[in-house]
Amino acid sequence: MTSINVLGLPPSVRDALLKASLDTVEDLLLYTPPGLSNDVPSARFKRQQVAKGVSSGGYDRLMSLTPSEIAFAYDQAAAHIFETKIAYGSAHDLLQDESWLSLGDPILDAAVGGKGIMTRAITEIAGESAVGKTQLCLQLCLIVQLPESMGGLGGSVVWLSTEGKFPYNRLESMISRFVEKHQEDVPDMDADIIRENIYYESMADQETQLHIFNYQLPILVHDTYLNQEGDGDKEENQEQEQPAAPQKKPIKLIIIDSITNNFRSELAVASSASDQAENQRSKAGFRSSILQRSADICEIGLRLRTLADQYGLAVICVNQVTDVITGEPTFHPQQSSFRSPPQTRAFTPAFHDTGKLKKPALGLVWENTINARVVLQRTRLPDLYETDGYAQSAPREPSRTLSIVFSPWGGHNRNNDPSQPGHCWYKIDETGVVGIHSPN
């Protein structure tokens, strides 16, 4: 980050920007000149108010800057970036600078590109109920705490839930297996340290969700990095006989489980009023709620992308699925149970389950917000056998697949071939989600 003090701005303009928490060149360039002169940045400044003690006069003063003053500051920041070339580099250089979060299994990592999930990006994990989305997220809560040499990020995780109670019991069983597996390679690994580095917060409704994304989450992430910087000084002054507190790590992973629930539960639906005028008002209210939902999705996406880029985080958003309504029959024996509609990116998954076509929820607005989409599926096809000359069937353990629909770093499997990147089988056992070479 580069301070705006290097830009040579007039004192009045510089002071106004500093009071409004736009204290770096990168912060200033997040907005266009018109955006800096209207109410778009106000949410950002209010979010920083708790952390930095900014008074309301700070952003009032920014709004009083003339368009020419704002344009001058913006041009100076852009010129500084261009002259110093701090934003330049080849695509290969940028890729080499990225960090990766392993999925905890070499087969799963190979399916998503070889190294795992890229940081500074939003990755969606979509699928029907009981396919293992939460199981995979719990596994990532543990993997992220490993050092980078072992596929982790050496950091902690924030779990934001809209689905109710956190799965503590399942996490505890996975922690014991995880510590047992990695104790030899990481001697200081301890179950208490792992628990201390998993933050949890419930988002019961849309209002709470927006407040957490706008205020609490940025402050929490920022504070963990400040605490990390101050740990060295504390350790020097700490007496030997005092017991050491569990080591807190900087946040490197944000998990939202799920991003869909509050949007679905609070979407206003038009009533079936008999009166024509009432019906028209209901339709108008429904359209306005759809527009507001889209605006909220864009705002949440902006907050998550900003945090991911600023702090080098990985962001995982669990998404639900919805039925695709078409004029064709819903049963397609030769086709899959999960399909993207025509307006979304093409996706050809592996299995047919109930004959119902599915797609990830939240539509095109959310799809254009995320950087990568991973789909988990399972099939309930029965095993066939013969008894007294009659064909019988019996249920078997479902076959599960992980597929990459799109991503900037992994291959997309268009041929449903689990031996190729972009697709693999997996199972769920006591250790978590494990990739397998064959479903049989």
Protein backbone atom coordinates (compact mmCIF):
# COMPACT_ATOMS: atom_id res chain seq x y z
CA MET A 1 0.00 0.00 0.00
CA THR A 2 1.24 3.50 -0.91
CA SER A 3 0.32 6.54 1.18
CA ILE A 4 -1.41 9.43 -0.60
CA ASN A 5 1.24 11.71 0.91
CA VAL A 6 3.47 10.85 -2.09
CA LEU A 7 1.02 12.42 -4.54
CA GLY A 8 1.77 16.06 -3.74
CA LEU A 9 -1.89 17.00 -3.29
CA PRO A 10 -3.00 20.37 -1.92
CA PRO A 11 -3.25 20.18 1.90
CA SER A 12 -7.03 20.72 1.89
CA VAL A 13 -7.61 17.84 -0.55
CA ARG A 14 -5.13 15.54 1.19
CA ASP A 15 -6.63 16.20 4.63
CA ALA A 16 -10.15 15.58 3.34
CA LEU A 17 -9.13 12.22 1.89
CA LEU A 18 -7.27 11.20 5.03
CA LYS A 19 -10.24 12.08 7.25
CA ALA A 20 -12.43 9.97 5.00
CA SER A 21 -10.10 6.95 5.44
CA LEU A 22 -8.86 7.10 1.85
CA ASP A 23 -5.28 7.10 3.07
CA THR A 24 -3.61 5.04 0.31
CA VAL A 25 -3.32 5.36 -3.45
CA GLU A 26 -4.98 1.97 -3.84
CA ASP A 27 -7.98 3.03 -1.72
CA LEU A 28 -8.44 6.15 -3.84
CA LEU A 29 -8.41 4.21 -7.10
CA LEU A 30 -11.16 1.85 -5.93
CA TYR A 31 -13.65 4.54 -6.99
CA THR A 32 -14.18 6.63 -10.10
CA PRO A 33 -14.17 10.44 -9.78
CA PRO A 34 -17.99 10.60 -10.05
CA GLY A 35 -18.24 7.90 -7.41
CA LEU A 36 -16.13 9.93 -4.99
CA SER A 37 -18.44 12.93 -5.28
CA ASN A 38 -21.73 11.16 -4.51
CA ASP A 39 -22.96 8.82 -1.78
CA VAL A 40 -21.26 5.63 -3.07
CA PRO A 41 -18.24 5.76 -0.71
CA SER A 42 -20.29 6.68 2.36
CA ALA A 43 -20.78 3.03 3.38
CA ARG A 44 -17.02 2.50 3.21
CA PHE A 45 -16.33 5.51 5.41
CA LYS A 46 -18.96 4.54 7.95
CA ARG A 47 -17.53 1.04 8.06
CA GLN A 48 -14.12 2.47 8.92
CA GLN A 49 -15.54 4.85 11.50
CA VAL A 50 -15.55 2.25 14.28
CA ALA A 51 -12.01 1.11 13.51
CA LYS A 52 -10.39 4.48 12.93
CA GLY A 53 -12.55 6.87 14.92
CA VAL A 54 -13.57 8.85 11.84
CA SER A 55 -16.15 11.53 12.56
CA SER A 56 -19.08 12.21 10.27
CA GLY A 57 -17.43 15.52 9.38
CA GLY A 58 -14.71 13.51 7.66
CA TYR A 59 -16.88 12.31 4.83
CA ASP A 60 -18.96 15.49 4.85
CA ARG A 61 -15.74 17.32 4.02
CA LEU A 62 -15.01 14.91 1.18
CA MET A 63 -18.43 15.53 -0.31
CA SER A 64 -17.67 19.26 -0.25
CA LEU A 65 -14.64 18.82 -2.50
CA THR A 66 -15.22 20.18 -5.97
CA PRO A 67 -15.31 17.79 -8.93
CA SER A 68 -12.08 19.30 -10.22
CA GLU A 69 -10.32 18.64 -6.89
CA ILE A 70 -11.52 15.04 -6.85
CA ALA A 71 -10.52 14.53 -10.49
CA PHE A 72 -7.08 15.99 -9.79
CA ALA A 73 -6.50 13.62 -6.86
CA TYR A 74 -7.65 10.67 -8.92
CA ASP A 75 -5.41 11.64 -11.88
CA GLN A 76 -2.41 12.03 -9.59
CA ALA A 77 -2.99 8.58 -8.12
CA ALA A 78 -3.34 6.99 -11.56
CA ALA A 79 -0.18 8.76 -12.78
CA HIS A 80 1.76 7.50 -9.76
CA ILE A 81 0.70 3.93 -10.48
CA PHE A 82 1.73 4.32 -14.13
CA GLU A 83 5.11 5.97 -13.45
CA THR A 84 6.22 3.62 -10.68
CA LYS A 85 4.85 0.54 -12.48
CA ILE A 86 3.76 -0.93 -9.14
CA ALA A 87 0.72 -2.48 -10.80
CA TYR A 88 2.57 -3.94 -13.77
CA GLY A 89 3.83 -7.44 -14.35
CA SER A 90 3.27 -10.32 -16.70
CA ALA A 91 0.38 -12.71 -16.24
CA HIS A 92 2.91 -15.40 -15.37
CA ASP A 93 4.47 -13.20 -12.66
CA LEU A 94 1.08 -12.48 -11.13
CA LEU A 95 0.20 -16.17 -11.14
CA GLN A 96 3.46 -17.07 -9.42
CA ASP A 97 2.75 -14.56 -6.65
CA GLU A 98 -0.59 -16.17 -5.80
CA SER A 99 -1.04 -18.52 -2.86
CA TRP A 100 -3.08 -21.71 -2.98
CA LEU A 101 -5.23 -23.51 -0.45
CA SER A 102 -5.23 -27.28 -0.79
CA LEU A 103 -8.50 -29.21 -0.51
CA GLY A 104 -6.70 -31.73 1.68
CA ASP A 105 -6.46 -34.54 -0.86
CA PRO A 106 -4.23 -34.91 -3.96
CA ILE A 107 -7.07 -36.24 -6.12
CA LEU A 108 -9.32 -33.30 -5.23
CA ASP A 109 -6.48 -30.85 -5.82
CA ALA A 110 -5.76 -32.38 -9.22
CA ALA A 111 -9.41 -31.98 -10.18
CA VAL A 112 -9.39 -28.24 -9.45
CA GLY A 113 -6.13 -27.53 -11.22
CA GLY A 114 -3.36 -29.20 -9.27
CA LYS A 115 -2.71 -26.88 -6.31
CA GLY A 116 -6.15 -26.31 -4.81
CA ILE A 117 -8.11 -23.07 -4.53
CA MET A 118 -6.55 -19.72 -5.41
CA THR A 119 -6.49 -16.86 -2.91
CA ARG A 120 -7.67 -13.33 -3.74
CA ALA A 121 -10.77 -14.86 -5.32
CA ILE A 122 -14.34 -15.92 -4.51
CA THR A 123 -14.96 -19.62 -5.04
CA GLU A 124 -18.50 -20.99 -4.99
CA ILE A 125 -19.26 -24.56 -3.88
CA ALA A 126 -22.73 -25.49 -5.13
CA GLY A 127 -24.80 -28.62 -4.86
CA GLU A 128 -27.94 -30.23 -3.52
CA SER A 129 -28.48 -31.07 0.11
CA ALA A 130 -26.30 -33.82 1.64
CA VAL A 131 -23.67 -33.88 -1.12
CA GLY A 132 -20.88 -32.83 1.27
CA LYS A 133 -20.61 -29.04 0.88
CA THR A 134 -20.36 -28.39 4.63
CA GLN A 135 -18.04 -31.37 5.06
CA LEU A 136 -15.62 -29.90 2.53
CA CYS A 137 -15.78 -26.48 4.21
CA LEU A 138 -14.99 -28.03 7.61
CA GLN A 139 -12.01 -29.74 6.02
CA LEU A 140 -10.79 -26.39 4.67
CA CYS A 141 -11.07 -24.93 8.20
CA LEU A 142 -8.33 -27.35 9.23
CA ILE A 143 -6.20 -27.29 6.08
CA VAL A 144 -5.88 -23.49 6.10
CA GLN A 145 -4.02 -23.65 9.43
CA LEU A 146 -1.22 -25.77 7.97
CA PRO A 147 1.96 -24.04 6.73
CA GLU A 148 2.13 -23.16 3.04
CA SER A 149 4.64 -25.95 2.44
CA MET A 150 1.90 -28.44 3.34
CA GLY A 151 -0.87 -26.85 1.27
CA GLY A 152 -2.25 -24.48 3.91
CA LEU A 153 -1.98 -20.73 4.35
CA GLY A 154 -0.79 -20.60 7.95
CA GLY A 155 -3.87 -18.67 8.98
CA SER A 156 -7.25 -18.79 10.69
CA VAL A 157 -10.76 -18.95 9.29
CA VAL A 158 -14.06 -17.08 9.71
CA TRP A 159 -17.22 -19.18 9.34
CA LEU A 160 -20.36 -17.09 8.68
CA SER A 161 -23.50 -19.20 8.86
CA THR A 162 -27.06 -18.59 7.70
CA GLU A 163 -28.04 -22.24 8.09
CA GLY A 164 -28.41 -22.47 11.85
CA LYS A 165 -26.21 -24.29 14.33
CA PHE A 166 -22.51 -24.79 13.61
CA PRO A 167 -21.59 -28.51 13.18
CA TYR A 168 -19.38 -28.70 16.29
CA ASN A 169 -19.62 -32.46 16.77
CA ARG A 170 -18.48 -33.23 13.25
CA LEU A 171 -15.67 -30.68 13.53
CA GLU A 172 -14.41 -32.26 16.76
CA SER A 173 -14.21 -35.70 15.18
CA MET A 174 -12.31 -34.27 12.21
CA ILE A 175 -9.92 -32.32 14.46
CA SER A 176 -8.85 -35.45 16.33
CA ARG A 177 -8.11 -37.27 13.08
CA PHE A 178 -6.39 -34.21 11.64
CA VAL A 179 -4.06 -33.76 14.62
CA GLU A 180 -3.21 -37.45 14.59
CA LYS A 181 -2.36 -37.31 10.88
CA HIS A 182 -0.15 -34.19 10.98
CA GLN A 183 1.34 -34.37 14.48
CA GLU A 184 4.65 -35.74 13.19
CA ASP A 185 5.10 -33.08 10.50
CA VAL A 186 3.86 -30.20 12.68
CA PRO A 187 5.03 -30.98 16.25
CA ASP A 188 3.40 -27.90 17.81
CA MET A 189 -0.03 -28.75 16.40
CA ASP A 190 -2.65 -28.81 19.13
CA ALA A 191 -6.42 -29.24 19.09
CA ASP A 192 -6.95 -26.16 21.28
CA ILE A 193 -4.94 -23.99 18.87
CA ILE A 194 -7.03 -25.27 15.96
CA ARG A 195 -10.28 -24.41 17.77
CA GLU A 196 -9.01 -20.94 18.72
CA ASN A 197 -8.34 -20.16 15.06
CA ILE A 198 -11.88 -20.88 13.87
CA TYR A 199 -14.15 -17.84 14.27
CA TYR A 200 -17.90 -18.34 14.00
CA GLU A 201 -20.76 -15.88 13.57
CA SER A 202 -24.42 -16.46 12.76
CA MET A 203 -26.27 -14.29 10.24
CA ALA A 204 -29.92 -14.85 11.05
CA ASP A 205 -31.37 -12.34 8.60
CA GLN A 206 -30.43 -10.08 5.73
CA GLU A 207 -29.98 -6.98 7.90
CA THR A 208 -27.53 -8.79 10.19
CA GLN A 209 -25.75 -10.23 7.16
CA LEU A 210 -25.14 -6.82 5.57
CA HIS A 211 -24.00 -5.34 8.89
CA ILE A 212 -21.44 -8.12 9.35
CA PHE A 213 -20.08 -7.76 5.83
CA ASN A 214 -19.92 -3.94 6.04
CA TYR A 215 -18.65 -3.48 9.59
CA GLN A 216 -17.70 -6.49 11.70
CA LEU A 217 -15.90 -8.65 9.14
CA PRO A 218 -13.47 -5.96 7.86
CA ILE A 219 -12.60 -4.95 11.43
CA LEU A 220 -12.07 -8.56 12.53
CA VAL A 221 -9.79 -9.33 9.59
CA HIS A 222 -7.84 -6.11 10.11
CA ASP A 223 -7.43 -6.73 13.84
CA THR A 224 -6.04 -10.24 13.37
CA TYR A 225 -3.27 -8.81 11.20
CA LEU A 226 -2.53 -6.06 13.73
CA ASN A 227 -2.37 -8.64 16.53
CA GLN A 228 0.00 -10.75 14.45
CA GLU A 229 2.36 -7.80 13.99
CA GLY A 230 2.38 -7.14 17.72
CA ASP A 231 3.02 -10.74 18.77
CA GLY A 232 6.78 -10.34 18.49
CA ASP A 233 6.91 -7.51 21.02
CA LYS A 234 4.64 -9.38 23.42
CA GLU A 235 6.76 -12.50 23.34
CA GLU A 236 9.91 -10.54 24.23
CA ASN A 237 8.26 -9.09 27.34
CA GLN A 238 6.50 -12.26 28.41
CA GLU A 239 7.97 -14.06 31.41
CA GLN A 240 9.03 -17.65 31.01
CA GLU A 241 6.90 -19.00 33.84
CA GLN A 242 3.63 -17.61 32.43
CA PRO A 243 1.62 -20.11 30.34
CA ALA A 244 1.44 -19.15 26.68
CA ALA A 245 -1.99 -18.32 25.29
CA PRO A 246 -3.17 -20.21 22.20
CA GLN A 247 -1.56 -18.67 19.14
CA LYS A 248 -3.96 -16.57 17.05
CA LYS A 249 -3.23 -16.51 13.35
CA PRO A 250 -4.21 -13.91 10.74
CA ILE A 251 -7.43 -14.70 8.92
CA LYS A 252 -6.73 -16.36 5.57
CA LEU A 253 -10.08 -17.97 4.78
CA ILE A 254 -13.68 -16.75 4.86
CA ILE A 255 -16.51 -19.30 4.53
CA ILE A 256 -20.16 -18.33 4.04
CA ASP A 257 -22.56 -21.25 4.54
CA SER A 258 -24.69 -20.46 2.74
CA ILE A 259 -24.81 -17.25 0.71
CA THR A 260 -28.30 -18.19 -0.51
CA ASN A 261 -30.41 -18.78 2.56
CA ASN A 262 -31.22 -15.21 3.65
CA PHE A 263 -31.88 -14.05 0.08
CA ARG A 264 -34.35 -16.87 -0.44
CA SER A 265 -36.14 -16.58 2.88
CA GLU A 266 -36.63 -12.81 2.77
CA LEU A 267 -37.56 -12.33 -0.89
CA ALA A 268 -41.01 -10.75 -1.06
CA VAL A 269 -43.42 -12.67 -3.28
CA ALA A 270 -46.36 -11.05 -5.00
CA SER A 271 -49.72 -11.87 -3.39
CA SER A 272 -52.68 -13.24 -5.35
CA ALA A 273 -55.05 -10.32 -4.64
CA SER A 274 -58.24 -10.34 -6.64
CA ASP A 275 -58.29 -6.60 -6.97
CA GLN A 276 -56.41 -5.50 -10.12
CA ALA A 277 -54.86 -2.43 -8.49
CA GLU A 278 -53.64 -4.45 -5.51
CA ASN A 279 -52.22 -7.02 -7.86
CA GLN A 280 -50.30 -4.36 -9.75
CA ARG A 281 -48.89 -2.99 -6.51
CA SER A 282 -47.81 -6.50 -5.51
CA LYS A 283 -46.03 -6.97 -8.82
CA ALA A 284 -44.25 -3.66 -8.40
CA GLY A 285 -43.18 -4.67 -4.90
CA PHE A 286 -41.88 -7.99 -6.19
CA ARG A 287 -39.84 -6.28 -8.91
CA SER A 288 -38.38 -3.82 -6.42
CA SER A 289 -37.41 -6.66 -4.07
CA ILE A 290 -35.65 -8.45 -6.92
CA LEU A 291 -33.73 -5.26 -7.77
CA GLN A 292 -32.81 -4.74 -4.12
CA ARG A 293 -31.62 -8.33 -3.86
CA SER A 294 -29.38 -7.83 -6.88
CA ALA A 295 -27.96 -4.65 -5.34
CA ASP A 296 -27.29 -6.47 -2.05
CA ILE A 297 -25.58 -9.33 -3.90
CA CYS A 298 -23.31 -6.86 -5.71
CA GLU A 299 -22.51 -5.06 -2.45
CA ILE A 300 -21.61 -8.30 -0.66
CA GLY A 301 -19.51 -9.41 -3.61
CA LEU A 302 -17.63 -6.10 -3.58
CA ARG A 303 -16.90 -6.38 0.15
CA LEU A 304 -15.63 -9.95 -0.17
CA ARG A 305 -13.48 -9.23 -3.23
CA THR A 306 -11.96 -6.18 -1.55
CA LEU A 307 -11.02 -8.16 1.57
CA ALA A 308 -9.72 -11.07 -0.51
CA ASP A 309 -7.47 -8.83 -2.58
CA GLN A 310 -6.28 -6.58 0.23
CA TYR A 311 -5.33 -9.36 2.65
CA GLY A 312 -4.65 -12.25 0.26
CA LEU A 313 -7.62 -14.31 1.50
CA ALA A 314 -9.49 -17.23 0.01
CA VAL A 315 -13.28 -16.80 0.07
CA ILE A 316 -15.61 -19.82 -0.10
CA CYS A 317 -19.35 -19.29 -0.63
CA VAL A 318 -21.66 -22.28 -0.35
CA ASN A 319 -24.62 -22.03 -2.72
CA GLN A 320 -27.85 -23.96 -2.93
CA VAL A 321 -29.48 -25.14 -6.16
CA THR A 322 -32.84 -24.58 -7.74
CA ASP A 323 -34.92 -26.46 -10.30
CA VAL A 324 -34.77 -25.52 -13.97
CA ILE A 325 -38.28 -25.12 -15.35
CA THR A 326 -38.45 -26.00 -19.05
CA GLY A 327 -41.13 -27.05 -21.51
CA GLU A 328 -39.47 -30.41 -21.96
CA PRO A 329 -40.12 -33.53 -19.86
CA THR A 330 -38.21 -33.53 -16.60
CA PHE A 331 -36.92 -37.07 -17.04
CA HIS A 332 -33.84 -37.42 -19.27
CA PRO A 333 -32.21 -40.85 -18.85
CA GLN A 334 -29.20 -39.90 -20.97
CA GLN A 335 -28.70 -36.47 -19.44
CA SER A 336 -27.53 -35.15 -16.12
CA SER A 337 -29.47 -33.99 -13.10
CA PHE A 338 -27.55 -30.74 -12.90
CA ARG A 339 -27.46 -28.33 -15.79
CA SER A 340 -26.84 -24.65 -16.36
CA PRO A 341 -29.58 -22.78 -18.20
CA PRO A 342 -28.80 -21.24 -21.61
CA GLN A 343 -27.90 -17.82 -20.22
CA THR A 344 -25.27 -19.25 -17.84
CA ARG A 345 -21.92 -20.87 -18.55
CA ALA A 346 -22.13 -24.30 -20.15
CA PHE A 347 -21.77 -27.20 -17.76
CA THR A 348 -22.01 -30.92 -18.48
CA PRO A 349 -21.85 -32.93 -15.25
CA ALA A 350 -21.51 -36.64 -14.86
CA PHE A 351 -24.52 -38.20 -13.23
CA HIS A 352 -28.25 -38.48 -13.61
CA ASP A 353 -30.11 -38.72 -10.33
CA THR A 354 -33.81 -37.89 -10.20
CA GLY A 355 -34.24 -36.58 -13.74
CA LYS A 356 -34.72 -33.01 -12.51
CA LEU A 357 -32.55 -30.34 -14.03
CA LYS A 358 -30.74 -28.13 -11.50
CA LYS A 359 -28.78 -24.91 -11.52
CA PRO A 360 -27.04 -22.85 -8.81
CA ALA A 361 -29.25 -20.28 -7.12
CA LEU A 362 -29.09 -16.44 -7.17
CA GLY A 363 -28.93 -16.17 -10.95
CA LEU A 364 -26.65 -14.35 -13.34
CA VAL A 365 -25.87 -11.43 -11.01
CA TRP A 366 -24.20 -13.73 -8.49
CA GLU A 367 -22.54 -15.81 -11.23
CA ASN A 368 -20.81 -12.69 -12.53
CA THR A 369 -19.64 -11.86 -9.01
CA ILE A 370 -17.75 -15.08 -8.26
CA ASN A 371 -14.44 -16.16 -9.80
CA ALA A 372 -14.88 -19.93 -9.76
CA ARG A 373 -17.69 -22.46 -9.42
CA VAL A 374 -17.25 -25.96 -8.02
CA VAL A 375 -20.23 -28.32 -8.14
CA LEU A 376 -20.68 -31.35 -5.89
CA GLN A 377 -23.12 -34.08 -6.93
CA ARG A 378 -24.21 -37.55 -5.97
CA THR A 379 -26.28 -40.29 -7.59
CA ARG A 380 -28.65 -42.78 -6.01
CA LEU A 381 -28.61 -45.32 -8.85
CA PRO A 382 -29.39 -48.82 -7.49
CA ASP A 383 -27.39 -52.00 -7.84
CA LEU A 384 -29.15 -54.64 -9.94
CA TYR A 385 -29.18 -58.35 -9.15
CA GLU A 386 -31.27 -61.42 -10.02
CA THR A 387 -33.40 -63.52 -7.67
CA ASP A 388 -35.30 -66.54 -9.02
CA GLY A 389 -34.98 -65.21 -12.53
CA TYR A 390 -36.41 -61.78 -11.67
CA ALA A 391 -34.39 -58.57 -11.82
CA GLN A 392 -34.20 -56.88 -8.45
CA SER A 393 -32.53 -53.73 -7.24
CA ALA A 394 -31.05 -52.54 -3.97
CA PRO A 395 -29.76 -49.12 -2.92
CA ARG A 396 -26.05 -48.62 -2.64
CA GLU A 397 -23.68 -45.99 -1.32
CA PRO A 398 -24.14 -42.93 -3.55
CA SER A 399 -21.40 -42.08 -6.01
CA ARG A 400 -20.22 -38.51 -5.55
CA THR A 401 -18.44 -36.24 -8.00
CA LEU A 402 -16.66 -32.90 -7.83
CA SER A 403 -16.68 -30.82 -11.02
CA ILE A 404 -15.24 -27.48 -12.07
CA VAL A 405 -17.79 -25.42 -14.02
CA PHE A 406 -15.48 -22.44 -14.53
CA SER A 407 -12.36 -21.02 -12.88
CA PRO A 408 -9.37 -18.89 -13.90
CA TRP A 409 -6.87 -21.55 -12.78
CA GLY A 410 -8.35 -25.02 -13.31
CA GLY A 411 -9.37 -27.09 -16.32
CA HIS A 412 -13.03 -27.43 -17.29
CA ASN A 413 -14.14 -30.99 -17.91
CA ARG A 414 -16.58 -31.07 -20.82
CA ASN A 415 -16.46 -34.82 -21.46
CA ASN A 416 -17.40 -36.15 -18.00
CA ASP A 417 -14.10 -37.99 -17.77
CA PRO A 418 -13.02 -38.31 -14.11
CA SER A 419 -9.48 -39.14 -15.23
CA GLN A 420 -9.06 -35.61 -16.60
CA PRO A 421 -8.64 -32.31 -14.71
CA GLY A 422 -11.88 -30.64 -13.79
CA HIS A 423 -13.68 -33.72 -12.50
CA CYS A 424 -13.22 -36.48 -9.94
CA TRP A 425 -15.04 -38.92 -7.67
CA TYR A 426 -14.94 -38.56 -3.91
CA LYS A 427 -16.30 -40.12 -0.74
CA ILE A 428 -16.96 -38.92 2.79
CA ASP A 429 -15.45 -40.82 5.71
CA GLU A 430 -14.44 -40.11 9.31
CA THR A 431 -11.51 -37.92 8.19
CA GLY A 432 -13.53 -35.74 5.83
CA VAL A 433 -13.81 -35.55 2.04
CA VAL A 434 -11.46 -37.94 0.23
CA GLY A 435 -10.90 -38.24 -3.52
CA ILE A 436 -11.13 -41.72 -5.08
CA HIS A 437 -10.19 -43.12 -8.48
CA SER A 438 -13.38 -45.12 -8.96
CA PRO A 439 -16.85 -45.07 -7.36
CA ASN A 440 -16.88 -48.87 -7.04
